[in-house]
PDB file of N, CA and C in Angstrom:
ATOM      1  N   MET A   1     104.195  99.326 208.836  1.00  0.00           N
ATOM      2  CA  MET A   1     104.755 100.656 208.785  1.00  0.00           C
ATOM      3  C   MET A   1     104.001 101.483 207.750  1.00  0.00           C
ATOM      4  N   ALA A   2     103.579 102.660 208.129  1.00  0.00           N
ATOM      5  CA  ALA A   2     102.852 103.542 207.219  1.00  0.00           C
ATOM      6  C   ALA A   2     103.845 104.265 206.315  1.00  0.00           C
ATOM      7  N   VAL A   3     103.530 104.261 205.027  1.00  0.00           N
ATOM      8  CA  VAL A   3     104.378 104.938 204.043  1.00  0.00           C
ATOM      9  C   VAL A   3     103.527 105.941 203.269  1.00  0.00           C
ATOM     10  N   PRO A   4     104.131 107.042 202.845  1.00  0.00           N
ATOM     11  CA  PRO A   4     103.362 108.036 202.093  1.00  0.00           C
ATOM     12  C   PRO A   4     103.077 107.562 200.679  1.00  0.00           C
ATOM     13  N   LEU A   5     101.862 107.810 200.234  1.00  0.00           N
ATOM     14  CA  LEU A   5     101.466 107.503 198.864  1.00  0.00           C
ATOM     15  C   LEU A   5     101.655 108.739 197.995  1.00  0.00           C
ATOM     16  N   CYS A   6     101.100 109.861 198.449  1.00  0.00           N
ATOM     17  CA  CYS A   6     101.255 111.142 197.778  1.00  0.00           C
ATOM     18  C   CYS A   6     100.625 112.216 198.654  1.00  0.00           C
ATOM     19  N   HIS A   7     100.758 113.468 198.261  1.00  0.00           N
ATOM     20  CA  HIS A   7     100.074 114.558 198.955  1.00  0.00           C
ATOM     21  C   HIS A   7      98.625 114.571 198.484  1.00  0.00           C
ATOM     22  N   VAL A   8      97.696 114.896 199.365  1.00  0.00           N
ATOM     23  CA  VAL A   8      96.282 114.909 198.991  1.00  0.00           C
ATOM     24  C   VAL A   8      96.019 115.841 197.805  1.00  0.00           C
ATOM     25  N   ASP A   9      96.801 116.916 197.682  1.00  0.00           N
ATOM     26  CA  ASP A   9      96.612 117.856 196.578  1.00  0.00           C
ATOM     27  C   ASP A   9      97.076 117.302 195.235  1.00  0.00           C
ATOM     28  N   ASP A  10      97.784 116.166 195.250  1.00  0.00           N
ATOM     29  CA  ASP A  10      98.215 115.534 194.002  1.00  0.00           C
ATOM     30  C   ASP A  10      97.076 114.814 193.290  1.00  0.00           C
ATOM     31  N   ILE A  11      95.928 114.737 193.953  1.00  0.00           N
ATOM     32  CA  ILE A  11      94.737 114.132 193.353  1.00  0.00           C
ATOM     33  C   ILE A  11      93.655 115.205 193.300  1.00  0.00           C
ATOM     34  N   PRO A  12      93.543 115.923 192.182  1.00  0.00           N
ATOM     35  CA  PRO A  12      92.534 116.980 192.073  1.00  0.00           C
ATOM     36  C   PRO A  12      91.106 116.417 192.125  1.00  0.00           C
ATOM     37  N   GLU A  13      90.188 117.245 192.509  1.00  0.00           N
ATOM     38  CA  GLU A  13      88.771 116.885 192.542  1.00  0.00           C
ATOM     39  C   GLU A  13      88.354 116.312 191.192  1.00  0.00           C
ATOM     40  N   GLY A  14      87.629 115.204 191.230  1.00  0.00           N
ATOM     41  CA  GLY A  14      87.104 114.596 190.009  1.00  0.00           C
ATOM     42  C   GLY A  14      88.131 113.839 189.186  1.00  0.00           C
ATOM     43  N   SER A  15      89.241 113.457 189.823  1.00  0.00           N
ATOM     44  CA  SER A  15      90.275 112.736 189.079  1.00  0.00           C
ATOM     45  C   SER A  15      90.731 111.513 189.868  1.00  0.00           C
ATOM     46  N   ALA A  16      91.574 110.711 189.223  1.00  0.00           N
ATOM     47  CA  ALA A  16      92.118 109.511 189.843  1.00  0.00           C
ATOM     48  C   ALA A  16      93.593 109.406 189.490  1.00  0.00           C
ATOM     49  N   ARG A  17      94.307 108.652 190.319  1.00  0.00           N
ATOM     50  CA  ARG A  17      95.737 108.460 190.082  1.00  0.00           C
ATOM     51  C   ARG A  17      96.131 107.070 190.556  1.00  0.00           C
ATOM     52  N   GLY A  18      96.937 106.385 189.752  1.00  0.00           N
ATOM     53  CA  GLY A  18      97.399 105.044 190.083  1.00  0.00           C
ATOM     54  C   GLY A  18      98.742 105.049 190.781  1.00  0.00           C
ATOM     55  N   PHE A  19      98.990 103.995 191.560  1.00  0.00           N
ATOM     56  CA  PHE A  19     100.223 103.836 192.333  1.00  0.00           C
ATOM     57  C   PHE A  19     100.584 102.357 192.400  1.00  0.00           C
ATOM     58  N   THR A  20     101.844 102.090 192.689  1.00  0.00           N
ATOM     59  CA  THR A  20     102.280 100.741 193.032  1.00  0.00           C
ATOM     60  C   THR A  20     102.984 100.833 194.375  1.00  0.00           C
ATOM     61  N   LEU A  21     102.540 100.025 195.309  1.00  0.00           N
ATOM     62  CA  LEU A  21     103.097 100.037 196.655  1.00  0.00           C
ATOM     63  C   LEU A  21     103.337  98.594 197.072  1.00  0.00           C
ATOM     64  N   GLN A  22     104.565  98.280 197.407  1.00  0.00           N
ATOM     65  CA  GLN A  22     104.928  96.928 197.848  1.00  0.00           C
ATOM     66  C   GLN A  22     104.466  95.901 196.817  1.00  0.00           C
ATOM     67  N   GLY A  23     104.609  96.234 195.533  1.00  0.00           N
ATOM     68  CA  GLY A  23     104.233  95.326 194.454  1.00  0.00           C
ATOM     69  C   GLY A  23     102.741  95.243 194.191  1.00  0.00           C
ATOM     70  N   THR A  24     101.945  96.010 194.922  1.00  0.00           N
ATOM     71  CA  THR A  24     100.498  95.995 194.767  1.00  0.00           C
ATOM     72  C   THR A  24     100.052  97.254 194.053  1.00  0.00           C
ATOM     73  N   ARG A  25      99.257  97.088 192.997  1.00  0.00           N
ATOM     74  CA  ARG A  25      98.744  98.238 192.256  1.00  0.00           C
ATOM     75  C   ARG A  25      97.485  98.766 192.934  1.00  0.00           C
ATOM     76  N   LEU A  26      97.469 100.078 193.158  1.00  0.00           N
ATOM     77  CA  LEU A  26      96.356 100.779 193.798  1.00  0.00           C
ATOM     78  C   LEU A  26      95.971 101.973 192.952  1.00  0.00           C
ATOM     79  N   PHE A  27      94.805 102.542 193.243  1.00  0.00           N
ATOM     80  CA  PHE A  27      94.477 103.844 192.678  1.00  0.00           C
ATOM     81  C   PHE A  27      93.637 104.610 193.680  1.00  0.00           C
ATOM     82  N   ALA A  28      93.760 105.923 193.600  1.00  0.00           N
ATOM     83  CA  ALA A  28      93.019 106.821 194.478  1.00  0.00           C
ATOM     84  C   ALA A  28      92.140 107.719 193.625  1.00  0.00           C
ATOM     85  N   VAL A  29      90.925 107.974 194.097  1.00  0.00           N
ATOM     86  CA  VAL A  29      89.963 108.835 193.407  1.00  0.00           C
ATOM     87  C   VAL A  29      89.530 109.915 194.384  1.00  0.00           C
ATOM     88  N   ARG A  30      89.451 111.152 193.904  1.00  0.00           N
ATOM     89  CA  ARG A  30      88.896 112.230 194.730  1.00  0.00           C
ATOM     90  C   ARG A  30      87.543 112.600 194.143  1.00  0.00           C
ATOM     91  N   ASN A  31      86.521 112.517 194.992  1.00  0.00           N
ATOM     92  CA  ASN A  31      85.153 112.801 194.575  1.00  0.00           C
ATOM     93  C   ASN A  31      84.430 113.498 195.720  1.00  0.00           C
ATOM     94  N   HIS A  32      83.875 114.679 195.451  1.00  0.00           N
ATOM     95  CA  HIS A  32      83.184 115.465 196.475  1.00  0.00           C
ATOM     96  C   HIS A  32      84.083 115.685 197.694  1.00  0.00           C
ATOM     97  N   SER A  33      85.341 116.031 197.426  1.00  0.00           N
ATOM     98  CA  SER A  33      86.340 116.355 198.445  1.00  0.00           C
ATOM     99  C   SER A  33      86.786 115.173 199.301  1.00  0.00           C
ATOM    100  N   LYS A  34      86.331 113.982 198.988  1.00  0.00           N
ATOM    101  CA  LYS A  34      86.739 112.792 199.738  1.00  0.00           C
ATOM    102  C   LYS A  34      87.604 111.917 198.839  1.00  0.00           C
ATOM    103  N   ILE A  35      88.575 111.238 199.438  1.00  0.00           N
ATOM    104  CA  ILE A  35      89.456 110.355 198.690  1.00  0.00           C
ATOM    105  C   ILE A  35      89.117 108.905 199.011  1.00  0.00           C
ATOM    106  N   TYR A  36      89.074 108.091 197.959  1.00  0.00           N
ATOM    107  CA  TYR A  36      88.819 106.665 198.068  1.00  0.00           C
ATOM    108  C   TYR A  36      90.002 105.948 197.439  1.00  0.00           C
ATOM    109  N   ILE A  37      90.474 104.891 198.087  1.00  0.00           N
ATOM    110  CA  ILE A  37      91.595 104.122 197.548  1.00  0.00           C
ATOM    111  C   ILE A  37      91.154 102.668 197.386  1.00  0.00           C
ATOM    112  N   TYR A  38      91.463 102.114 196.218  1.00  0.00           N
ATOM    113  CA  TYR A  38      91.091 100.736 195.889  1.00  0.00           C
ATOM    114  C   TYR A  38      92.273 100.007 195.272  1.00  0.00           C
ATOM    115  N   LEU A  39      92.235  98.680 195.340  1.00  0.00           N
ATOM    116  CA  LEU A  39      93.171  97.881 194.569  1.00  0.00           C
ATOM    117  C   LEU A  39      92.865  98.104 193.094  1.00  0.00           C
ATOM    118  N   ASN A  40      93.886  98.185 192.283  1.00  0.00           N
ATOM    119  CA  ASN A  40      93.695  98.315 190.842  1.00  0.00           C
ATOM    120  C   ASN A  40      93.567  96.904 190.279  1.00  0.00           C
ATOM    121  N   ARG A  41      92.420  96.310 190.552  1.00  0.00           N
ATOM    122  CA  ARG A  41      92.167  94.921 190.171  1.00  0.00           C
ATOM    123  C   ARG A  41      90.667  94.722 190.008  1.00  0.00           C
ATOM    124  N   CYS A  42      90.255  94.456 188.773  1.00  0.00           N
ATOM    125  CA  CYS A  42      88.836  94.214 188.512  1.00  0.00           C
ATOM    126  C   CYS A  42      88.428  92.875 189.119  1.00  0.00           C
ATOM    127  N   PRO A  43      87.295  92.819 189.818  1.00  0.00           N
ATOM    128  CA  PRO A  43      86.868  91.549 190.407  1.00  0.00           C
ATOM    129  C   PRO A  43      86.459  90.507 189.359  1.00  0.00           C
ATOM    130  N   HIS A  44      86.265  90.918 188.119  1.00  0.00           N
ATOM    131  CA  HIS A  44      85.854  89.983 187.067  1.00  0.00           C
ATOM    132  C   HIS A  44      86.962  89.006 186.714  1.00  0.00           C
ATOM    133  N   LEU A  45      88.110  89.511 186.277  1.00  0.00           N
ATOM    134  CA  LEU A  45      89.220  88.639 185.879  1.00  0.00           C
ATOM    135  C   LEU A  45      90.505  88.905 186.666  1.00  0.00           C
ATOM    136  N   GLY A  46      90.456  89.846 187.589  1.00  0.00           N
ATOM    137  CA  GLY A  46      91.637  90.147 188.386  1.00  0.00           C
ATOM    138  C   GLY A  46      92.687  90.959 187.651  1.00  0.00           C
ATOM    139  N   ILE A  47      92.292  91.621 186.573  1.00  0.00           N
ATOM    140  CA  ILE A  47      93.243  92.426 185.800  1.00  0.00           C
ATOM    141  C   ILE A  47      93.096  93.904 186.158  1.00  0.00           C
ATOM    142  N   ALA A  48      94.109  94.690 185.803  1.00  0.00           N
ATOM    143  CA  ALA A  48      94.083  96.126 186.089  1.00  0.00           C
ATOM    144  C   ALA A  48      92.906  96.791 185.379  1.00  0.00           C
ATOM    145  N   LEU A  49      92.383  97.824 186.003  1.00  0.00           N
ATOM    146  CA  LEU A  49      91.227  98.544 185.462  1.00  0.00           C
ATOM    147  C   LEU A  49      91.590  99.511 184.339  1.00  0.00           C
ATOM    148  N   ASP A  50      92.819 100.000 184.348  1.00  0.00           N
ATOM    149  CA  ASP A  50      93.201 101.062 183.409  1.00  0.00           C
ATOM    150  C   ASP A  50      94.045 100.529 182.247  1.00  0.00           C
ATOM    151  N   TRP A  51      93.780 101.053 181.047  1.00  0.00           N
ATOM    152  CA  TRP A  51      94.629 100.776 179.884  1.00  0.00           C
ATOM    153  C   TRP A  51      95.725 101.824 179.796  1.00  0.00           C
ATOM    154  N   GLU A  52      95.390 103.039 180.150  1.00  0.00           N
ATOM    155  CA  GLU A  52      96.333 104.153 180.137  1.00  0.00           C
ATOM    156  C   GLU A  52      96.552 104.606 181.575  1.00  0.00           C
ATOM    157  N   PRO A  53      97.751 105.078 181.891  1.00  0.00           N
ATOM    158  CA  PRO A  53      98.020 105.501 183.270  1.00  0.00           C
ATOM    159  C   PRO A  53      97.003 106.528 183.770  1.00  0.00           C
ATOM    160  N   ASP A  54      96.547 106.297 184.987  1.00  0.00           N
ATOM    161  CA  ASP A  54      95.644 107.209 185.701  1.00  0.00           C
ATOM    162  C   ASP A  54      94.279 107.377 185.032  1.00  0.00           C
ATOM    163  N   SER A  55      93.905 106.484 184.149  1.00  0.00           N
ATOM    164  CA  SER A  55      92.607 106.555 183.465  1.00  0.00           C
ATOM    165  C   SER A  55      91.652 105.546 184.105  1.00  0.00           C
ATOM    166  N   PHE A  56      90.994 105.990 185.172  1.00  0.00           N
ATOM    167  CA  PHE A  56      90.125 105.100 185.933  1.00  0.00           C
ATOM    168  C   PHE A  56      88.648 105.500 185.896  1.00  0.00           C
ATOM    169  N   LEU A  57      88.340 106.700 185.441  1.00  0.00           N
ATOM    170  CA  LEU A  57      86.964 107.196 185.500  1.00  0.00           C
ATOM    171  C   LEU A  57      86.320 107.213 184.121  1.00  0.00           C
ATOM    172  N   ASP A  58      84.995 107.137 184.108  1.00  0.00           N
ATOM    173  CA  ASP A  58      84.280 107.267 182.836  1.00  0.00           C
ATOM    174  C   ASP A  58      84.418 108.701 182.330  1.00  0.00           C
ATOM    175  N   SER A  59      83.940 108.967 181.128  1.00  0.00           N
ATOM    176  CA  SER A  59      84.145 110.278 180.501  1.00  0.00           C
ATOM    177  C   SER A  59      83.503 111.422 181.273  1.00  0.00           C
ATOM    178  N   GLU A  60      82.449 111.152 182.047  1.00  0.00           N
ATOM    179  CA  GLU A  60      81.812 112.195 182.852  1.00  0.00           C
ATOM    180  C   GLU A  60      82.401 112.295 184.254  1.00  0.00           C
ATOM    181  N   GLY A  61      83.255 111.354 184.622  1.00  0.00           N
ATOM    182  CA  GLY A  61      83.848 111.356 185.954  1.00  0.00           C
ATOM    183  C   GLY A  61      82.885 110.934 187.050  1.00  0.00           C
ATOM    184  N   LEU A  62      81.829 110.214 186.666  1.00  0.00           N
ATOM    185  CA  LEU A  62      80.819 109.803 187.639  1.00  0.00           C
ATOM    186  C   LEU A  62      81.070 108.423 188.227  1.00  0.00           C
ATOM    187  N   TYR A  63      81.764 107.567 187.478  1.00  0.00           N
ATOM    188  CA  TYR A  63      81.976 106.187 187.894  1.00  0.00           C
ATOM    189  C   TYR A  63      83.409 105.759 187.614  1.00  0.00           C
ATOM    190  N   ILE A  64      83.871 104.787 188.386  1.00  0.00           N
ATOM    191  CA  ILE A  64      85.114 104.095 188.072  1.00  0.00           C
ATOM    192  C   ILE A  64      84.766 103.106 186.968  1.00  0.00           C
ATOM    193  N   ARG A  65      85.648 102.997 185.985  1.00  0.00           N
ATOM    194  CA  ARG A  65      85.355 102.132 184.845  1.00  0.00           C
ATOM    195  C   ARG A  65      86.504 101.167 184.629  1.00  0.00           C
ATOM    196  N   CYS A  66      86.161  99.943 184.304  1.00  0.00           N
ATOM    197  CA  CYS A  66      87.158  98.963 183.889  1.00  0.00           C
ATOM    198  C   CYS A  66      87.297  99.085 182.377  1.00  0.00           C
ATOM    199  N   ALA A  67      88.453  99.523 181.931  1.00  0.00           N
ATOM    200  CA  ALA A  67      88.681  99.736 180.502  1.00  0.00           C
ATOM    201  C   ALA A  67      88.670  98.425 179.721  1.00  0.00           C
ATOM    202  N   ASN A  68      88.867  97.310 180.381  1.00  0.00           N
ATOM    203  CA  ASN A  68      88.946  96.025 179.685  1.00  0.00           C
ATOM    204  C   ASN A  68      87.592  95.434 179.314  1.00  0.00           C
ATOM    205  N   HIS A  69      86.622  95.507 180.211  1.00  0.00           N
ATOM    206  CA  HIS A  69      85.333  94.863 179.957  1.00  0.00           C
ATOM    207  C   HIS A  69      84.130  95.785 180.154  1.00  0.00           C
ATOM    208  N   GLY A  70      84.383  97.063 180.393  1.00  0.00           N
ATOM    209  CA  GLY A  70      83.288  98.019 180.462  1.00  0.00           C
ATOM    210  C   GLY A  70      82.486  98.015 181.736  1.00  0.00           C
ATOM    211  N   ALA A  71      82.972  97.397 182.784  1.00  0.00           N
ATOM    212  CA  ALA A  71      82.246  97.422 184.062  1.00  0.00           C
ATOM    213  C   ALA A  71      82.310  98.826 184.656  1.00  0.00           C
ATOM    214  N   PHE A  72      81.261  99.198 185.381  1.00  0.00           N
ATOM    215  CA  PHE A  72      81.204 100.477 186.076  1.00  0.00           C
ATOM    216  C   PHE A  72      81.026 100.224 187.565  1.00  0.00           C
ATOM    217  N   PHE A  73      81.733 101.031 188.368  1.00  0.00           N
ATOM    218  CA  PHE A  73      81.727 100.905 189.814  1.00  0.00           C
ATOM    219  C   PHE A  73      81.402 102.253 190.441  1.00  0.00           C
ATOM    220  N   GLU A  74      80.636 102.246 191.518  1.00  0.00           N
ATOM    221  CA  GLU A  74      80.378 103.474 192.260  1.00  0.00           C
ATOM    222  C   GLU A  74      81.674 103.937 192.915  1.00  0.00           C
ATOM    223  N   ILE A  75      81.934 105.226 192.838  1.00  0.00           N
ATOM    224  CA  ILE A  75      83.176 105.764 193.395  1.00  0.00           C
ATOM    225  C   ILE A  75      83.212 105.605 194.907  1.00  0.00           C
ATOM    226  N   ASP A  76      82.116 105.892 195.589  1.00  0.00           N
ATOM    227  CA  ASP A  76      82.136 105.908 197.056  1.00  0.00           C
ATOM    228  C   ASP A  76      82.049 104.531 197.710  1.00  0.00           C
ATOM    229  N   THR A  77      81.586 103.515 196.982  1.00  0.00           N
ATOM    230  CA  THR A  77      81.461 102.180 197.580  1.00  0.00           C
ATOM    231  C   THR A  77      82.318 101.128 196.887  1.00  0.00           C
ATOM    232  N   GLY A  78      82.675 101.362 195.631  1.00  0.00           N
ATOM    233  CA  GLY A  78      83.392 100.360 194.852  1.00  0.00           C
ATOM    234  C   GLY A  78      82.495  99.267 194.312  1.00  0.00           C
ATOM    235  N   ASN A  79      81.181  99.365 194.552  1.00  0.00           N
ATOM    236  CA  ASN A  79      80.248  98.346 194.082  1.00  0.00           C
ATOM    237  C   ASN A  79      80.098  98.401 192.569  1.00  0.00           C
ATOM    238  N   CYS A  80      80.123  97.224 191.940  1.00  0.00           N
ATOM    239  CA  CYS A  80      79.911  97.134 190.499  1.00  0.00           C
ATOM    240  C   CYS A  80      78.417  97.272 190.222  1.00  0.00           C
ATOM    241  N   ILE A  81      78.080  98.226 189.350  1.00  0.00           N
ATOM    242  CA  ILE A  81      76.670  98.466 189.032  1.00  0.00           C
ATOM    243  C   ILE A  81      76.338  98.093 187.588  1.00  0.00           C
ATOM    244  N   GLN A  82      77.365  97.773 186.796  1.00  0.00           N
ATOM    245  CA  GLN A  82      77.131  97.365 185.405  1.00  0.00           C
ATOM    246  C   GLN A  82      78.351  96.606 184.908  1.00  0.00           C
ATOM    247  N   GLY A  83      78.115  95.526 184.196  1.00  0.00           N
ATOM    248  CA  GLY A  83      79.212  94.776 183.605  1.00  0.00           C
ATOM    249  C   GLY A  83      79.275  93.351 184.114  1.00  0.00           C
ATOM    250  N   PRO A  84      80.314  92.627 183.703  1.00  0.00           N
ATOM    251  CA  PRO A  84      80.404  91.199 184.010  1.00  0.00           C
ATOM    252  C   PRO A  84      80.620  90.874 185.483  1.00  0.00           C
ATOM    253  N   CYS A  85      80.959  91.855 186.292  1.00  0.00           N
ATOM    254  CA  CYS A  85      81.154  91.596 187.727  1.00  0.00           C
ATOM    255  C   CYS A  85      80.031  92.220 188.558  1.00  0.00           C
ATOM    256  N   LEU A  86      78.871  92.418 187.957  1.00  0.00           N
ATOM    257  CA  LEU A  86      77.714  92.986 188.650  1.00  0.00           C
ATOM    258  C   LEU A  86      77.506  92.279 189.987  1.00  0.00           C
ATOM    259  N   GLY A  87      77.387  93.064 191.039  1.00  0.00           N
ATOM    260  CA  GLY A  87      77.191  92.517 192.377  1.00  0.00           C
ATOM    261  C   GLY A  87      78.484  92.366 193.161  1.00  0.00           C
ATOM    262  N   ASP A  88      79.624  92.378 192.484  1.00  0.00           N
ATOM    263  CA  ASP A  88      80.919  92.336 193.162  1.00  0.00           C
ATOM    264  C   ASP A  88      81.343  93.764 193.497  1.00  0.00           C
ATOM    265  N   ALA A  89      82.488  93.900 194.117  1.00  0.00           N
ATOM    266  CA  ALA A  89      82.991  95.231 194.482  1.00  0.00           C
ATOM    267  C   ALA A  89      84.506  95.263 194.390  1.00  0.00           C
ATOM    268  N   LEU A  90      85.025  96.466 194.206  1.00  0.00           N
ATOM    269  CA  LEU A  90      86.461  96.688 194.272  1.00  0.00           C
ATOM    270  C   LEU A  90      86.904  96.535 195.724  1.00  0.00           C
ATOM    271  N   TRP A  91      88.170  96.207 195.919  1.00  0.00           N
ATOM    272  CA  TRP A  91      88.714  96.021 197.257  1.00  0.00           C
ATOM    273  C   TRP A  91      89.223  97.356 197.773  1.00  0.00           C
ATOM    274  N   SER A  92      88.565  97.892 198.780  1.00  0.00           N
ATOM    275  CA  SER A  92      88.918  99.175 199.377  1.00  0.00           C
ATOM    276  C   SER A  92      90.168  99.038 200.245  1.00  0.00           C
ATOM    277  N   VAL A  93      91.005 100.062 200.226  1.00  0.00           N
ATOM    278  CA  VAL A  93      92.229 100.088 201.020  1.00  0.00           C
ATOM    279  C   VAL A  93      92.150 101.287 201.966  1.00  0.00           C
ATOM    280  N   GLY A  94      92.329 101.034 203.236  1.00  0.00           N
ATOM    281  CA  GLY A  94      92.287 102.105 204.230  1.00  0.00           C
ATOM    282  C   GLY A  94      93.521 102.990 204.158  1.00  0.00           C
ATOM    283  N   TYR A  95      93.371 104.200 204.613  1.00  0.00           N
ATOM    284  CA  TYR A  95      94.487 105.147 204.617  1.00  0.00           C
ATOM    285  C   TYR A  95      94.279 106.151 205.747  1.00  0.00           C
ATOM    286  N   GLN A  96      95.337 106.908 206.002  1.00  0.00           N
ATOM    287  CA  GLN A  96      95.282 108.010 206.955  1.00  0.00           C
ATOM    288  C   GLN A  96      95.905 109.220 206.279  1.00  0.00           C
ATOM    289  N   VAL A  97      95.588 110.399 206.778  1.00  0.00           N
ATOM    290  CA  VAL A  97      96.221 111.620 206.285  1.00  0.00           C
ATOM    291  C   VAL A  97      97.064 112.191 207.423  1.00  0.00           C
ATOM    292  N   ALA A  98      98.341 112.424 207.127  1.00  0.00           N
ATOM    293  CA  ALA A  98      99.254 113.014 208.108  1.00  0.00           C
ATOM    294  C   ALA A  98     100.026 114.133 207.420  1.00  0.00           C
ATOM    295  N   ASP A  99      99.875 115.341 207.914  1.00  0.00           N
ATOM    296  CA  ASP A  99     100.537 116.515 207.329  1.00  0.00           C
ATOM    297  C   ASP A  99     100.254 116.637 205.832  1.00  0.00           C
ATOM    298  N   GLY A 100      99.015 116.333 205.449  1.00  0.00           N
ATOM    299  CA  GLY A 100      98.597 116.455 204.052  1.00  0.00           C
ATOM    300  C   GLY A 100      98.990 115.288 203.174  1.00  0.00           C
ATOM    301  N   MET A 101      99.659 114.293 203.744  1.00  0.00           N
ATOM    302  CA  MET A 101     100.088 113.133 202.966  1.00  0.00           C
ATOM    303  C   MET A 101      99.139 111.957 203.185  1.00  0.00           C
ATOM    304  N   LEU A 102      98.779 111.282 202.076  1.00  0.00           N
ATOM    305  CA  LEU A 102      98.029 110.036 202.189  1.00  0.00           C
ATOM    306  C   LEU A 102      99.006 108.954 202.627  1.00  0.00           C
ATOM    307  N   MET A 103      98.691 108.307 203.720  1.00  0.00           N
ATOM    308  CA  MET A 103      99.579 107.291 204.287  1.00  0.00           C
ATOM    309  C   MET A 103      98.876 105.933 204.243  1.00  0.00           C
ATOM    310  N   ILE A 104      99.598 104.938 203.723  1.00  0.00           N
ATOM    311  CA  ILE A 104      99.087 103.576 203.645  1.00  0.00           C
ATOM    312  C   ILE A 104      99.967 102.706 204.543  1.00  0.00           C
ATOM    313  N   ASP A 105      99.345 101.884 205.360  1.00  0.00           N
ATOM    314  CA  ASP A 105     100.094 100.935 206.176  1.00  0.00           C
ATOM    315  C   ASP A 105     100.343  99.698 205.322  1.00  0.00           C
ATOM    316  N   GLU A 106     101.598  99.475 204.951  1.00  0.00           N
ATOM    317  CA  GLU A 106     101.938  98.341 204.082  1.00  0.00           C
ATOM    318  C   GLU A 106     101.460  97.012 204.657  1.00  0.00           C
ATOM    319  N   ALA A 107     101.462  96.874 205.972  1.00  0.00           N
ATOM    320  CA  ALA A 107     101.024  95.629 206.604  1.00  0.00           C
ATOM    321  C   ALA A 107      99.531  95.396 206.408  1.00  0.00           C
ATOM    322  N   GLU A 108      98.795  96.456 206.110  1.00  0.00           N
ATOM    323  CA  GLU A 108      97.357  96.344 205.933  1.00  0.00           C
ATOM    324  C   GLU A 108      96.953  96.077 204.479  1.00  0.00           C
ATOM    325  N   LEU A 109      97.923  96.067 203.561  1.00  0.00           N
ATOM    326  CA  LEU A 109      97.570  95.771 202.176  1.00  0.00           C
ATOM    327  C   LEU A 109      97.018  94.365 202.091  1.00  0.00           C
ATOM    328  N   PRO A 110      95.924  94.201 201.385  1.00  0.00           N
ATOM    329  CA  PRO A 110      95.316  92.870 201.310  1.00  0.00           C
ATOM    330  C   PRO A 110      96.183  91.906 200.526  1.00  0.00           C
ATOM    331  N   GLU A 111      96.110  90.664 200.910  1.00  0.00           N
ATOM    332  CA  GLU A 111      96.755  89.616 200.133  1.00  0.00           C
ATOM    333  C   GLU A 111      95.930  89.426 198.864  1.00  0.00           C
ATOM    334  N   SER A 112      96.575  89.520 197.750  1.00  0.00           N
ATOM    335  CA  SER A 112      95.865  89.317 196.491  1.00  0.00           C
ATOM    336  C   SER A 112      96.808  88.695 195.497  1.00  0.00           C
ATOM    337  N   PRO A 113      96.253  87.928 194.572  1.00  0.00           N
ATOM    338  CA  PRO A 113      97.129  87.309 193.576  1.00  0.00           C
ATOM    339  C   PRO A 113      97.794  88.360 192.721  1.00  0.00           C
ATOM    340  N   ARG A 114      99.000  88.115 192.324  1.00  0.00           N
ATOM    341  CA  ARG A 114      99.734  89.014 191.461  1.00  0.00           C
ATOM    342  C   ARG A 114      99.498  88.593 190.013  1.00  0.00           C
ATOM    343  N   PRO A 115      99.473  89.570 189.096  1.00  0.00           N
ATOM    344  CA  PRO A 115      99.299  89.200 187.695  1.00  0.00           C
ATOM    345  C   PRO A 115     100.459  88.340 187.217  1.00  0.00           C
ATOM    346  N   ALA A 116     100.166  87.441 186.320  1.00  0.00           N
ATOM    347  CA  ALA A 116     101.197  86.535 185.775  1.00  0.00           C
ATOM    348  C   ALA A 116     102.138  87.278 184.857  1.00  0.00           C
TER     349      ALA A 116
END
């Protein structure tokens, strides 16, 4: 079943926002008018990327950053380009837009370990 995450306008250009859906932490980034959604889970240790709520981007807003170990990820691919998970990638989550709302199909959320 598809559930609304937020309105597309709730994510301004060049920003990111975190969410929890069905016990799974996600975040959405808007870059060049496109929205990307990823699991909020660093591939290095499986921990959340943000120390502070909605703080997912580097200071210039060019890359997704893991606040814990300094890894950097490309916004459009989720590929790690620097840090301890070099060569790995963030787990992308598909979505649809309906009446301006970002919709996530809960059944499509990836199985992933939950933090202890």
